[in-house]
Amino acid sequence: MTAKTTDPLASPVTAQELADYIGVASTDPLLAGLLLSATDAVIRLLQYDLEPRNWTLTLWDWPTAGARTSPNLSPSAHILKREIDLPYAAVQSVASVTSYGEAVTDFVVRENSVMLPAGVPTDAHGDNSEPALVIEYSAGLAPIPDGIKDSIKLLAA
């Protein structure tokens, strides 16, 4: 599973807010870097993006589930994993879902996941030339709680 974003990281805390918190000039060139590092650390800890950004989740092995030694689905159940957890998600919107290059419609968006409908294409015809599942979505908390902003200031300080 790979989730990537090309949107730049932005801190919800301004340089002026951090400068006031630690008692330095807001023109200090270190403030921006400290805020970005602290924001990134908080995002990784919470597993939620703070400011809304666009993400792309790529799954190459869906619907296979299991361990390397037993990668197949349970033969007794034959149930595909239809609920796909989205990393860094407080989902704002889902732009598209594709399975083996075919558009998927009628999916259900939840706070941290997407529920796929029955009948989603699951066979790549053995060529592995394209991802099994690609989900493009926007995620971020809105509004950002003051406690998270305070944590960023404390970590940056």
Foldseek 3Di string as FASTA:
>chain_A
DDKDFPDDADAPAQLVNLCVVVVHDSPPPCSRVLLRVLQVVLCVVVQAAAPKTKMKDFAADPQFPDDPVDGHDDPVPPDTPQKAFATNFQFPWWDFKAALRHTFPPWDDDRGTIGGDPPHDQDNVPPSPGTRMMIMTIHHDPPDDPVSVVSSSVSSD
